[in-house]
Amino acid sequence: MEHYGGAKCVVVRGDKILMVKHRHDAREYYTLPGGGIEKGESPEQTAIRELQEECNVSGTIISKISEYPIPEGTMLYTFYMDIGDQNPKLGHDPEYSADNQVLVEVRWMELNEICERDRAFLWASGLLCIPQFADELTSWGDDISYPNKRIIKHYKTNLIQTERLVLKKGAIDDYLTVYEYDFMKLRDIDGEFEYHKQDLEQIKKWFEPNIEQIQMNNEAAHIFDWIIYLKENMIPIGDICTHSENIENGNKETEIAFNLHPTYWGKGYMPEAIKVVLDYLFDLGYENIKARYSDGNIKSKRVLAKTGFKPNGVEKDAWTKNGKPIHDYKVIMNRDNWSHFVF
């Protein structure tokens, strides 16, 4: 569907902001409710419609609080909105099928629960126009500080290699090959294991308006995204990406996620790829690399254990499958442990 810019919604209750969580397969992030302006719509109409679709609430616009150009050559508008005492509930994105929804959570969040990157987008979206957040910012004092100990050298998804593999930026056809099957149905979660082919037209939508722009956006958002190729014939077999860059106790950290086409399981390719990615990320300046796997996903658990990741907690009821809550198990690798790890 063609869009003519975008509109976002800022809804506040007390000191919390209404946020939605998006999951594009391995990529996760929190953002404001909103979406693309459709033909014939005003930005105000888009904001009201998107809030209803994504959060199942009716909103009233209080004021427009930001307006700025975005890379597509159009404008992004943000509106301060009121929903009264309605209780938001997870909605849907009508541009995606029921099996490929990107919306996974609706949540009220305080600023200190939101990662540094996503908070930056909130300030750009006009949060300073809302008195309680402007007051919070002015209370921060005059100290000069920066949250990470190390400066990350760059955020480029450069080519890296192993003895058998090449990892680099991919083309759309490479993603269509890797994502031939729905990985969510191949993880043995809640007993489900099925070779279910994806709707490739839905996969193509990940890269609108074009893959070059998406890759530029990823770099700006501090996201790395590698396609994994067999070195001998350059066939794409999987991918590794990062998301959820964060600051923990002053240390810069990120989280990796990975997928491997089932044709290539059991050959040691993914541990080999993860090793070179960890080398790359630690060399750039990260202190911690995190990952996670869902209850039942034994294959990912084994891959992460083989590459030295250690348990780092459990997120209970992280998401639901067929109405059943699913736990996510968190793991971590830090710079010091990696420097002593024997693969």
C-alpha atoms as a PDB file:
ATOM      1  CA  MET A   1       0.000   0.000   0.000  1.00  0.00           C
ATOM      2  CA  GLU A   2       1.344   3.430  -0.918  1.00  0.00           C
ATOM      3  CA  HIS A   3       1.762   5.888   1.946  1.00  0.00           C
ATOM      4  CA  TYR A   4       1.980   9.678   1.985  1.00  0.00           C
ATOM      5  CA  GLY A   5       4.003  10.293   5.124  1.00  0.00           C
ATOM      6  CA  GLY A   6       3.228   9.083   8.622  1.00  0.00           C
ATOM      7  CA  ALA A   7       1.477   9.998  11.851  1.00  0.00           C
ATOM      8  CA  LYS A   8       2.280   8.996  15.443  1.00  0.00           C
ATOM      9  CA  CYS A   9       0.327   9.281  18.697  1.00  0.00           C
ATOM     10  CA  VAL A  10       1.591  10.336  22.131  1.00  0.00           C
ATOM     11  CA  VAL A  11      -0.826   9.158  24.831  1.00  0.00           C
ATOM     12  CA  VAL A  12       0.137   9.784  28.460  1.00  0.00           C
ATOM     13  CA  ARG A  13      -1.254   8.435  31.710  1.00  0.00           C
ATOM     14  CA  GLY A  14       0.482   9.815  34.774  1.00  0.00           C
ATOM     15  CA  ASP A  15       4.221   9.485  34.105  1.00  0.00           C
ATOM     16  CA  LYS A  16       3.798   6.679  31.575  1.00  0.00           C
ATOM     17  CA  ILE A  17       3.600   6.707  27.778  1.00  0.00           C
ATOM     18  CA  LEU A  18       1.561   4.316  25.654  1.00  0.00           C
ATOM     19  CA  MET A  19       3.981   2.275  23.538  1.00  0.00           C
ATOM     20  CA  VAL A  20       3.628  -0.594  21.080  1.00  0.00           C
ATOM     21  CA  LYS A  21       6.183  -3.331  20.492  1.00  0.00           C
ATOM     22  CA  HIS A  22       6.966  -4.381  16.921  1.00  0.00           C
ATOM     23  CA  ARG A  23       8.549  -7.688  15.989  1.00  0.00           C
ATOM     24  CA  HIS A  24       9.773  -8.083  12.413  1.00  0.00           C
ATOM     25  CA  ASP A  25      10.835 -11.712  12.785  1.00  0.00           C
ATOM     26  CA  ALA A  26      14.087 -11.285  14.739  1.00  0.00           C
ATOM     27  CA  ARG A  27      13.871  -7.485  15.121  1.00  0.00           C
ATOM     28  CA  GLU A  28      12.095  -6.007  18.142  1.00  0.00           C
ATOM     29  CA  TYR A  29      11.642  -2.420  19.291  1.00  0.00           C
ATOM     30  CA  TYR A  30       9.176  -0.143  21.100  1.00  0.00           C
ATOM     31  CA  THR A  31       7.612   2.786  19.317  1.00  0.00           C
ATOM     32  CA  LEU A  32       4.639   5.103  19.476  1.00  0.00           C
ATOM     33  CA  PRO A  33       1.345   3.900  17.988  1.00  0.00           C
ATOM     34  CA  GLY A  34       1.037   5.137  14.425  1.00  0.00           C
ATOM     35  CA  GLY A  35       1.572   4.369  10.773  1.00  0.00           C
ATOM     36  CA  GLY A  36       1.414   5.512   7.201  1.00  0.00           C
ATOM     37  CA  ILE A  37      -0.939   8.170   5.884  1.00  0.00           C
ATOM     38  CA  GLU A  38      -3.199   6.634   3.246  1.00  0.00           C
ATOM     39  CA  LYS A  39      -4.376   8.381   0.091  1.00  0.00           C
ATOM     40  CA  GLY A  40      -7.066  10.935   0.883  1.00  0.00           C
ATOM     41  CA  GLU A  41      -6.328  10.975   4.643  1.00  0.00           C
ATOM     42  CA  SER A  42      -5.173  13.921   6.714  1.00  0.00           C
ATOM     43  CA  PRO A  43      -2.421  13.305   9.283  1.00  0.00           C
ATOM     44  CA  GLU A  44      -5.006  13.792  12.027  1.00  0.00           C
ATOM     45  CA  GLN A  45      -7.292  11.131  10.558  1.00  0.00           C
ATOM     46  CA  THR A  46      -4.348   8.744  10.287  1.00  0.00           C
ATOM     47  CA  ALA A  47      -3.403   9.208  13.949  1.00  0.00           C
ATOM     48  CA  ILE A  48      -6.952   8.494  15.118  1.00  0.00           C
ATOM     49  CA  ARG A  49      -7.278   5.427  12.845  1.00  0.00           C
ATOM     50  CA  GLU A  50      -3.887   3.958  13.779  1.00  0.00           C
ATOM     51  CA  LEU A  51      -4.549   4.349  17.506  1.00  0.00           C
ATOM     52  CA  GLN A  52      -7.826   2.468  17.093  1.00  0.00           C
ATOM     53  CA  GLU A  53      -6.243  -0.297  14.985  1.00  0.00           C
ATOM     54  CA  GLU A  54      -3.154  -0.864  17.127  1.00  0.00           C
ATOM     55  CA  CYS A  55      -4.483  -0.210  20.652  1.00  0.00           C
ATOM     56  CA  ASN A  56      -8.274  -0.658  20.372  1.00  0.00           C
ATOM     57  CA  VAL A  57      -9.053   2.790  21.809  1.00  0.00           C
ATOM     58  CA  SER A  58     -10.721   5.922  20.464  1.00  0.00           C
ATOM     59  CA  GLY A  59      -8.541   9.000  20.726  1.00  0.00           C
ATOM     60  CA  THR A  60      -9.106  12.730  20.667  1.00  0.00           C
ATOM     61  CA  ILE A  61      -6.349  15.015  19.401  1.00  0.00           C
ATOM     62  CA  ILE A  62      -5.196  17.639  21.886  1.00  0.00           C
ATOM     63  CA  SER A  63      -2.490  19.205  19.716  1.00  0.00           C
ATOM     64  CA  LYS A  64       0.146  18.561  17.084  1.00  0.00           C
ATOM     65  CA  ILE A  65       3.511  18.416  18.866  1.00  0.00           C
ATOM     66  CA  SER A  66       5.989  17.674  16.082  1.00  0.00           C
ATOM     67  CA  GLU A  67       6.421  17.651  12.313  1.00  0.00           C
ATOM     68  CA  TYR A  68       9.630  16.750  10.514  1.00  0.00           C
ATOM     69  CA  PRO A  69      10.803  15.285   7.191  1.00  0.00           C
ATOM     70  CA  ILE A  70      11.677  11.580   6.941  1.00  0.00           C
ATOM     71  CA  PRO A  71      14.030   9.854   4.462  1.00  0.00           C
ATOM     72  CA  GLU A  72      11.236   8.845   2.088  1.00  0.00           C
ATOM     73  CA  GLY A  73      10.848  12.536   1.197  1.00  0.00           C
ATOM     74  CA  THR A  74       7.573  12.937   3.095  1.00  0.00           C
ATOM     75  CA  MET A  75       6.650  14.199   6.580  1.00  0.00           C
ATOM     76  CA  LEU A  76       6.123  12.498   9.937  1.00  0.00           C
ATOM     77  CA  TYR A  77       3.575  14.138  12.248  1.00  0.00           C
ATOM     78  CA  THR A  78       3.076  13.461  15.966  1.00  0.00           C
ATOM     79  CA  PHE A  79      -0.096  14.281  17.896  1.00  0.00           C
ATOM     80  CA  TYR A  80      -0.671  14.541  21.643  1.00  0.00           C
ATOM     81  CA  MET A  81      -3.889  12.600  22.225  1.00  0.00           C
ATOM     82  CA  ASP A  82      -6.351  11.762  24.993  1.00  0.00           C
ATOM     83  CA  ILE A  83      -8.150   8.434  25.474  1.00  0.00           C
ATOM     84  CA  GLY A  84      -9.885   9.155  28.766  1.00  0.00           C
ATOM     85  CA  ASP A  85     -10.093   6.086  31.012  1.00  0.00           C
ATOM     86  CA  GLN A  86     -10.108   3.511  28.206  1.00  0.00           C
ATOM     87  CA  ASN A  87      -7.848   0.482  28.619  1.00  0.00           C
ATOM     88  CA  PRO A  88      -5.648  -0.170  25.560  1.00  0.00           C
ATOM     89  CA  LYS A  89      -5.527  -3.725  24.232  1.00  0.00           C
ATOM     90  CA  LEU A  90      -3.359  -5.233  21.517  1.00  0.00           C
ATOM     91  CA  GLY A  91      -4.853  -4.629  18.082  1.00  0.00           C
ATOM     92  CA  HIS A  92      -3.600  -5.513  14.612  1.00  0.00           C
ATOM     93  CA  ASP A  93      -2.003  -4.103  11.493  1.00  0.00           C
ATOM     94  CA  PRO A  94      -4.432  -4.652   8.591  1.00  0.00           C
ATOM     95  CA  GLU A  95      -1.549  -4.585   6.100  1.00  0.00           C
ATOM     96  CA  TYR A  96      -0.337  -7.938   7.463  1.00  0.00           C
ATOM     97  CA  SER A  97      -2.092 -11.294   7.623  1.00  0.00           C
ATOM     98  CA  ALA A  98      -3.082 -12.831  10.969  1.00  0.00           C
ATOM     99  CA  ASP A  99      -0.067 -15.157  10.806  1.00  0.00           C
ATOM    100  CA  ASN A 100       2.425 -12.352  10.094  1.00  0.00           C
ATOM    101  CA  GLN A 101       1.452  -9.603  12.527  1.00  0.00           C
ATOM    102  CA  VAL A 102       4.273  -7.282  13.576  1.00  0.00           C
ATOM    103  CA  LEU A 103       2.439  -5.895  16.621  1.00  0.00           C
ATOM    104  CA  VAL A 104       3.153  -8.058  19.667  1.00  0.00           C
ATOM    105  CA  GLU A 105       2.501  -5.864  22.717  1.00  0.00           C
ATOM    106  CA  VAL A 106       0.782  -2.698  23.943  1.00  0.00           C
ATOM    107  CA  ARG A 107       2.208  -1.306  27.160  1.00  0.00           C
ATOM    108  CA  TRP A 108       2.305   1.748  29.404  1.00  0.00           C
ATOM    109  CA  MET A 109       6.008   2.551  29.980  1.00  0.00           C
ATOM    110  CA  GLU A 110       8.007   4.990  32.072  1.00  0.00           C
ATOM    111  CA  LEU A 111      10.955   6.718  30.408  1.00  0.00           C
ATOM    112  CA  ASN A 112      13.453   4.675  32.436  1.00  0.00           C
ATOM    113  CA  GLU A 113      11.985   1.451  30.981  1.00  0.00           C
ATOM    114  CA  ILE A 114      12.679   2.526  27.393  1.00  0.00           C
ATOM    115  CA  CYS A 115      16.079   1.965  25.805  1.00  0.00           C
ATOM    116  CA  GLU A 116      18.243   4.960  24.912  1.00  0.00           C
ATOM    117  CA  ARG A 117      17.614   4.686  21.149  1.00  0.00           C
ATOM    118  CA  ASP A 118      13.829   4.528  21.472  1.00  0.00           C
ATOM    119  CA  ARG A 119      13.821   7.411  23.985  1.00  0.00           C
ATOM    120  CA  ALA A 120      15.689   9.562  21.472  1.00  0.00           C
ATOM    121  CA  PHE A 121      12.842   9.085  18.989  1.00  0.00           C
ATOM    122  CA  LEU A 122      10.351  10.144  21.693  1.00  0.00           C
ATOM    123  CA  TRP A 123      12.150  13.450  22.257  1.00  0.00           C
ATOM    124  CA  ALA A 124      12.220  14.014  18.500  1.00  0.00           C
ATOM    125  CA  SER A 125       8.489  13.326  18.434  1.00  0.00           C
ATOM    126  CA  GLY A 126       7.740  16.304  20.667  1.00  0.00           C
ATOM    127  CA  LEU A 127       7.780  14.887  24.192  1.00  0.00           C
ATOM    128  CA  LEU A 128       9.170  18.209  25.447  1.00  0.00           C
ATOM    129  CA  CYS A 129       5.808  19.794  24.609  1.00  0.00           C
ATOM    130  CA  ILE A 130       4.202  17.791  27.443  1.00  0.00           C
ATOM    131  CA  PRO A 131       4.796  19.579  30.782  1.00  0.00           C
ATOM    132  CA  GLN A 132       5.712  16.652  33.049  1.00  0.00           C
ATOM    133  CA  PHE A 133       8.379  15.413  30.637  1.00  0.00           C
ATOM    134  CA  ALA A 134       9.769  18.896  30.066  1.00  0.00           C
ATOM    135  CA  ASP A 135      10.008  19.274  33.868  1.00  0.00           C
ATOM    136  CA  GLU A 136      11.832  15.946  34.130  1.00  0.00           C
ATOM    137  CA  LEU A 137      14.386  16.975  31.529  1.00  0.00           C
ATOM    138  CA  THR A 138      15.134  20.306  33.246  1.00  0.00           C
ATOM    139  CA  SER A 139      15.691  18.439  36.537  1.00  0.00           C
ATOM    140  CA  TRP A 140      18.609  16.446  35.124  1.00  0.00           C
ATOM    141  CA  GLY A 141      21.197  19.077  36.048  1.00  0.00           C
ATOM    142  CA  ASP A 142      24.259  20.469  34.280  1.00  0.00           C
ATOM    143  CA  ASP A 143      26.685  17.555  34.439  1.00  0.00           C
ATOM    144  CA  ILE A 144      28.229  16.514  31.132  1.00  0.00           C
ATOM    145  CA  SER A 145      27.857  12.782  30.682  1.00  0.00           C
ATOM    146  CA  TYR A 146      27.412  10.076  28.114  1.00  0.00           C
ATOM    147  CA  PRO A 147      25.958   6.682  28.976  1.00  0.00           C
ATOM    148  CA  ASN A 148      28.554   4.370  27.431  1.00  0.00           C
ATOM    149  CA  LYS A 149      32.148   3.817  28.488  1.00  0.00           C
ATOM    150  CA  ARG A 150      33.301   3.008  24.977  1.00  0.00           C
ATOM    151  CA  ILE A 151      32.531   4.839  21.779  1.00  0.00           C
ATOM    152  CA  ILE A 152      31.216   2.415  19.178  1.00  0.00           C
ATOM    153  CA  LYS A 153      33.450   2.799  16.135  1.00  0.00           C
ATOM    154  CA  HIS A 154      30.640   2.580  13.574  1.00  0.00           C
ATOM    155  CA  TYR A 155      27.341   0.839  12.851  1.00  0.00           C
ATOM    156  CA  LYS A 156      28.105  -0.586   9.420  1.00  0.00           C
ATOM    157  CA  THR A 157      27.165  -4.145   8.469  1.00  0.00           C
ATOM    158  CA  ASN A 158      30.518  -4.850   6.882  1.00  0.00           C
ATOM    159  CA  LEU A 159      31.520  -8.078   5.160  1.00  0.00           C
ATOM    160  CA  ILE A 160      33.047 -10.673   7.517  1.00  0.00           C
ATOM    161  CA  GLN A 161      34.172 -14.216   6.776  1.00  0.00           C
ATOM    162  CA  THR A 162      34.905 -17.608   8.289  1.00  0.00           C
ATOM    163  CA  GLU A 163      36.513 -20.662   6.735  1.00  0.00           C
ATOM    164  CA  ARG A 164      33.186 -21.747   5.200  1.00  0.00           C
ATOM    165  CA  LEU A 165      30.971 -18.666   5.316  1.00  0.00           C
ATOM    166  CA  VAL A 166      30.611 -15.090   4.116  1.00  0.00           C
ATOM    167  CA  LEU A 167      28.408 -12.654   6.064  1.00  0.00           C
ATOM    168  CA  LYS A 168      27.357  -9.381   4.433  1.00  0.00           C
ATOM    169  CA  LYS A 169      24.390  -7.175   3.588  1.00  0.00           C
ATOM    170  CA  GLY A 170      21.788  -9.051   1.582  1.00  0.00           C
ATOM    171  CA  ALA A 171      19.504  -8.425  -1.363  1.00  0.00           C
ATOM    172  CA  ILE A 172      15.742  -8.979  -1.221  1.00  0.00           C
ATOM    173  CA  ASP A 173      16.029 -12.294  -3.090  1.00  0.00           C
ATOM    174  CA  ASP A 174      18.456 -13.521  -0.437  1.00  0.00           C
ATOM    175  CA  TYR A 175      15.919 -12.876   2.314  1.00  0.00           C
ATOM    176  CA  LEU A 176      13.211 -14.616   0.276  1.00  0.00           C
ATOM    177  CA  THR A 177      15.468 -17.680   0.071  1.00  0.00           C
ATOM    178  CA  VAL A 178      16.371 -17.685   3.773  1.00  0.00           C
ATOM    179  CA  TYR A 179      12.792 -17.085   4.908  1.00  0.00           C
ATOM    180  CA  GLU A 180      11.222 -19.718   2.652  1.00  0.00           C
ATOM    181  CA  TYR A 181       9.694 -21.334   5.751  1.00  0.00           C
ATOM    182  CA  ASP A 182       8.014 -19.711   8.748  1.00  0.00           C
ATOM    183  CA  PHE A 183      10.675 -20.003  11.460  1.00  0.00           C
ATOM    184  CA  MET A 184       8.087 -19.515  14.216  1.00  0.00           C
ATOM    185  CA  LYS A 185       6.636 -22.895  13.238  1.00  0.00           C
ATOM    186  CA  LEU A 186      10.048 -24.610  13.189  1.00  0.00           C
ATOM    187  CA  ARG A 187      11.068 -23.955  16.792  1.00  0.00           C
ATOM    188  CA  ASP A 188       9.085 -26.724  18.508  1.00  0.00           C
ATOM    189  CA  ILE A 189       7.407 -24.166  20.759  1.00  0.00           C
ATOM    190  CA  ASP A 190       4.320 -25.563  22.451  1.00  0.00           C
ATOM    191  CA  GLY A 191       4.889 -28.760  20.459  1.00  0.00           C
ATOM    192  CA  GLU A 192       4.502 -27.094  17.052  1.00  0.00           C
ATOM    193  CA  PHE A 193       6.934 -28.156  14.340  1.00  0.00           C
ATOM    194  CA  GLU A 194       5.810 -27.686  10.747  1.00  0.00           C
ATOM    195  CA  TYR A 195       7.487 -26.871   7.434  1.00  0.00           C
ATOM    196  CA  HIS A 196       5.079 -24.064   6.549  1.00  0.00           C
ATOM    197  CA  LYS A 197       6.016 -21.935   3.544  1.00  0.00           C
ATOM    198  CA  GLN A 198       5.904 -18.175   3.991  1.00  0.00           C
ATOM    199  CA  ASP A 199       3.863 -15.718   1.971  1.00  0.00           C
ATOM    200  CA  LEU A 200       6.810 -14.151   0.152  1.00  0.00           C
ATOM    201  CA  GLU A 201       4.797 -11.065  -0.744  1.00  0.00           C
ATOM    202  CA  GLN A 202       4.590 -10.326   2.986  1.00  0.00           C
ATOM    203  CA  ILE A 203       8.359 -10.737   3.287  1.00  0.00           C
ATOM    204  CA  LYS A 204       8.872  -8.226   0.484  1.00  0.00           C
ATOM    205  CA  LYS A 205       6.910  -5.642   2.511  1.00  0.00           C
ATOM    206  CA  TRP A 206       9.690  -5.621   5.100  1.00  0.00           C
ATOM    207  CA  PHE A 207      11.827  -3.781   2.573  1.00  0.00           C
ATOM    208  CA  GLU A 208       9.461  -1.030   1.407  1.00  0.00           C
ATOM    209  CA  PRO A 209      10.136   1.473  -0.086  1.00  0.00           C
ATOM    210  CA  ASN A 210      13.438  -0.226  -1.037  1.00  0.00           C
ATOM    211  CA  ILE A 211      16.086  -2.340   0.649  1.00  0.00           C
ATOM    212  CA  GLU A 212      18.759   0.343   0.351  1.00  0.00           C
ATOM    213  CA  GLN A 213      16.624   2.749   2.389  1.00  0.00           C
ATOM    214  CA  ILE A 214      15.871   0.051   4.983  1.00  0.00           C
ATOM    215  CA  GLN A 215      19.583  -0.682   5.335  1.00  0.00           C
ATOM    216  CA  MET A 216      20.301   3.036   5.792  1.00  0.00           C
ATOM    217  CA  ASN A 217      17.555   3.212   8.428  1.00  0.00           C
ATOM    218  CA  ASN A 218      19.018   0.182  10.205  1.00  0.00           C
ATOM    219  CA  GLU A 219      22.428   1.795  10.380  1.00  0.00           C
ATOM    220  CA  ALA A 220      20.897   5.000  11.767  1.00  0.00           C
ATOM    221  CA  ALA A 221      19.043   2.904  14.375  1.00  0.00           C
ATOM    222  CA  HIS A 222      22.266   1.024  15.316  1.00  0.00           C
ATOM    223  CA  ILE A 223      21.066  -2.275  13.863  1.00  0.00           C
ATOM    224  CA  PHE A 224      23.392  -4.746  12.148  1.00  0.00           C
ATOM    225  CA  ASP A 225      21.879  -7.245   9.701  1.00  0.00           C
ATOM    226  CA  TRP A 226      23.950  -9.919   7.973  1.00  0.00           C
ATOM    227  CA  ILE A 227      22.876 -12.556   5.473  1.00  0.00           C
ATOM    228  CA  ILE A 228      24.963 -15.731   5.815  1.00  0.00           C
ATOM    229  CA  TYR A 229      26.257 -17.272   2.564  1.00  0.00           C
ATOM    230  CA  LEU A 230      28.146 -20.475   1.849  1.00  0.00           C
ATOM    231  CA  LYS A 231      31.564 -19.329   0.675  1.00  0.00           C
ATOM    232  CA  GLU A 232      31.872 -22.068  -1.968  1.00  0.00           C
ATOM    233  CA  ASN A 233      28.812 -20.997  -3.996  1.00  0.00           C
ATOM    234  CA  MET A 234      27.398 -17.844  -2.276  1.00  0.00           C
ATOM    235  CA  ILE A 235      24.026 -19.491  -1.613  1.00  0.00           C
ATOM    236  CA  PRO A 236      22.195 -17.585   1.176  1.00  0.00           C
ATOM    237  CA  ILE A 237      21.462 -19.938   4.090  1.00  0.00           C
ATOM    238  CA  GLY A 238      20.589 -17.765   7.095  1.00  0.00           C
ATOM    239  CA  ASP A 239      20.836 -14.411   8.818  1.00  0.00           C
ATOM    240  CA  ILE A 240      22.051 -12.764  12.017  1.00  0.00           C
ATOM    241  CA  CYS A 241      20.865  -9.344  13.147  1.00  0.00           C
ATOM    242  CA  THR A 242      21.078  -7.174  16.242  1.00  0.00           C
ATOM    243  CA  HIS A 243      18.394  -5.162  17.967  1.00  0.00           C
ATOM    244  CA  SER A 244      17.528  -3.547  21.298  1.00  0.00           C
ATOM    245  CA  GLU A 245      20.801  -1.658  21.786  1.00  0.00           C
ATOM    246  CA  ASN A 246      20.865  -0.572  25.403  1.00  0.00           C
ATOM    247  CA  ILE A 247      22.960   0.840  28.238  1.00  0.00           C
ATOM    248  CA  GLU A 248      23.382  -1.347  31.334  1.00  0.00           C
ATOM    249  CA  ASN A 249      25.469   0.024  34.236  1.00  0.00           C
ATOM    250  CA  GLY A 250      27.175   2.374  31.816  1.00  0.00           C
ATOM    251  CA  ASN A 251      28.078  -0.394  29.343  1.00  0.00           C
ATOM    252  CA  LYS A 252      26.898  -0.490  25.742  1.00  0.00           C
ATOM    253  CA  GLU A 253      25.181  -3.753  24.872  1.00  0.00           C
ATOM    254  CA  THR A 254      23.084  -5.222  22.104  1.00  0.00           C
ATOM    255  CA  GLU A 255      21.077  -8.377  21.455  1.00  0.00           C
ATOM    256  CA  ILE A 256      21.486 -10.804  18.576  1.00  0.00           C
ATOM    257  CA  ALA A 257      18.912 -12.990  16.858  1.00  0.00           C
ATOM    258  CA  PHE A 258      19.500 -15.591  14.166  1.00  0.00           C
ATOM    259  CA  ASN A 259      17.789 -17.922  11.713  1.00  0.00           C
ATOM    260  CA  LEU A 260      19.124 -20.738   9.554  1.00  0.00           C
ATOM    261  CA  HIS A 261      17.278 -22.359   6.644  1.00  0.00           C
ATOM    262  CA  PRO A 262      16.421 -25.934   7.763  1.00  0.00           C
ATOM    263  CA  THR A 263      18.252 -27.446   4.781  1.00  0.00           C
ATOM    264  CA  TYR A 264      21.516 -26.427   6.490  1.00  0.00           C
ATOM    265  CA  TRP A 265      20.809 -27.517  10.075  1.00  0.00           C
ATOM    266  CA  GLY A 266      23.221 -29.841  11.848  1.00  0.00           C
ATOM    267  CA  LYS A 267      26.379 -28.721  10.008  1.00  0.00           C
ATOM    268  CA  GLY A 268      27.745 -26.239  12.573  1.00  0.00           C
ATOM    269  CA  TYR A 269      27.148 -23.194  10.369  1.00  0.00           C
ATOM    270  CA  MET A 270      25.317 -21.051  12.929  1.00  0.00           C
ATOM    271  CA  PRO A 271      27.862 -21.368  15.784  1.00  0.00           C
ATOM    272  CA  GLU A 272      30.570 -20.574  13.229  1.00  0.00           C
ATOM    273  CA  ALA A 273      28.685 -17.451  12.098  1.00  0.00           C
ATOM    274  CA  ILE A 274      27.870 -16.293  15.633  1.00  0.00           C
ATOM    275  CA  LYS A 275      31.537 -16.549  16.610  1.00  0.00           C
ATOM    276  CA  VAL A 276      32.685 -14.151  13.885  1.00  0.00           C
ATOM    277  CA  VAL A 277      29.781 -11.771  14.650  1.00  0.00           C
ATOM    278  CA  LEU A 278      30.764 -11.658  18.334  1.00  0.00           C
ATOM    279  CA  ASP A 279      34.365 -10.955  17.334  1.00  0.00           C
ATOM    280  CA  TYR A 280      33.113  -8.092  15.158  1.00  0.00           C
ATOM    281  CA  LEU A 281      30.777  -6.572  17.783  1.00  0.00           C
ATOM    282  CA  PHE A 282      33.246  -6.758  20.662  1.00  0.00           C
ATOM    283  CA  ASP A 283      35.919  -5.212  18.447  1.00  0.00           C
ATOM    284  CA  LEU A 284      33.543  -2.324  17.712  1.00  0.00           C
ATOM    285  CA  GLY A 285      33.264  -1.561  21.429  1.00  0.00           C
ATOM    286  CA  TYR A 286      30.296  -3.446  22.872  1.00  0.00           C
ATOM    287  CA  GLU A 287      30.699  -4.781  26.412  1.00  0.00           C
ATOM    288  CA  ASN A 288      27.795  -7.260  26.485  1.00  0.00           C
ATOM    289  CA  ILE A 289      26.023  -9.287  23.811  1.00  0.00           C
ATOM    290  CA  LYS A 290      22.694 -10.814  24.762  1.00  0.00           C
ATOM    291  CA  ALA A 291      20.341 -13.313  23.145  1.00  0.00           C
ATOM    292  CA  ARG A 292      17.221 -15.270  24.029  1.00  0.00           C
ATOM    293  CA  TYR A 293      15.282 -18.378  23.105  1.00  0.00           C
ATOM    294  CA  SER A 294      11.709 -19.402  23.844  1.00  0.00           C
ATOM    295  CA  ASP A 295      10.624 -22.389  25.897  1.00  0.00           C
ATOM    296  CA  GLY A 296      10.828 -25.473  23.670  1.00  0.00           C
ATOM    297  CA  ASN A 297      13.353 -24.063  21.206  1.00  0.00           C
ATOM    298  CA  ILE A 298      16.075 -26.593  21.983  1.00  0.00           C
ATOM    299  CA  LYS A 299      18.050 -25.952  18.780  1.00  0.00           C
ATOM    300  CA  SER A 300      18.667 -22.282  19.612  1.00  0.00           C
ATOM    301  CA  LYS A 301      19.453 -23.198  23.223  1.00  0.00           C
ATOM    302  CA  ARG A 302      22.167 -25.603  22.039  1.00  0.00           C
ATOM    303  CA  VAL A 303      23.651 -23.112  19.574  1.00  0.00           C
ATOM    304  CA  LEU A 304      23.927 -20.417  22.255  1.00  0.00           C
ATOM    305  CA  ALA A 305      25.433 -22.829  24.787  1.00  0.00           C
ATOM    306  CA  LYS A 306      27.970 -24.000  22.195  1.00  0.00           C
ATOM    307  CA  THR A 307      29.076 -20.396  21.629  1.00  0.00           C
ATOM    308  CA  GLY A 308      29.582 -19.785  25.351  1.00  0.00           C
ATOM    309  CA  PHE A 309      26.498 -17.757  26.326  1.00  0.00           C
ATOM    310  CA  LYS A 310      25.525 -17.972  30.004  1.00  0.00           C
ATOM    311  CA  PRO A 311      22.010 -17.830  31.594  1.00  0.00           C
ATOM    312  CA  ASN A 312      20.845 -14.298  32.338  1.00  0.00           C
ATOM    313  CA  GLY A 313      17.284 -14.632  33.617  1.00  0.00           C
ATOM    314  CA  VAL A 314      13.831 -15.612  32.428  1.00  0.00           C
ATOM    315  CA  GLU A 315      11.115 -13.368  31.015  1.00  0.00           C
ATOM    316  CA  LYS A 316       7.973 -15.171  32.080  1.00  0.00           C
ATOM    317  CA  ASP A 317       4.906 -14.885  29.855  1.00  0.00           C
ATOM    318  CA  ALA A 318       7.002 -12.998  27.296  1.00  0.00           C
ATOM    319  CA  TRP A 319       4.436 -13.669  24.574  1.00  0.00           C
ATOM    320  CA  THR A 320       1.498 -15.944  23.848  1.00  0.00           C
ATOM    321  CA  LYS A 321       0.988 -18.766  21.372  1.00  0.00           C
ATOM    322  CA  ASN A 322      -2.532 -20.065  20.793  1.00  0.00           C
ATOM    323  CA  GLY A 323      -3.563 -18.356  24.009  1.00  0.00           C
ATOM    324  CA  LYS A 324      -0.791 -20.027  26.030  1.00  0.00           C
ATOM    325  CA  PRO A 325       1.894 -17.869  27.719  1.00  0.00           C
ATOM    326  CA  ILE A 326       5.442 -18.643  26.561  1.00  0.00           C
ATOM    327  CA  HIS A 327       8.582 -17.967  28.618  1.00  0.00           C
ATOM    328  CA  ASP A 328      11.755 -16.538  27.060  1.00  0.00           C
ATOM    329  CA  TYR A 329      15.155 -17.555  28.451  1.00  0.00           C
ATOM    330  CA  LYS A 330      17.823 -14.847  28.362  1.00  0.00           C
ATOM    331  CA  VAL A 331      21.564 -15.459  27.922  1.00  0.00           C
ATOM    332  CA  ILE A 332      24.610 -13.197  27.847  1.00  0.00           C
ATOM    333  CA  MET A 333      28.241 -13.070  26.726  1.00  0.00           C
ATOM    334  CA  ASN A 334      30.500 -10.289  27.997  1.00  0.00           C
ATOM    335  CA  ARG A 335      33.745  -8.998  26.582  1.00  0.00           C
ATOM    336  CA  ASP A 336      35.991 -10.500  29.269  1.00  0.00           C
ATOM    337  CA  ASN A 337      34.456 -13.983  29.053  1.00  0.00           C
ATOM    338  CA  TRP A 338      34.657 -13.926  25.259  1.00  0.00           C
ATOM    339  CA  SER A 339      38.350 -13.076  25.333  1.00  0.00           C
ATOM    340  CA  HIS A 340      38.965 -16.317  27.294  1.00  0.00           C
ATOM    341  CA  PHE A 341      36.422 -18.526  25.526  1.00  0.00           C
ATOM    342  CA  VAL A 342      37.795 -21.452  23.553  1.00  0.00           C
ATOM    343  CA  PHE A 343      35.476 -22.289  20.635  1.00  0.00           C
END
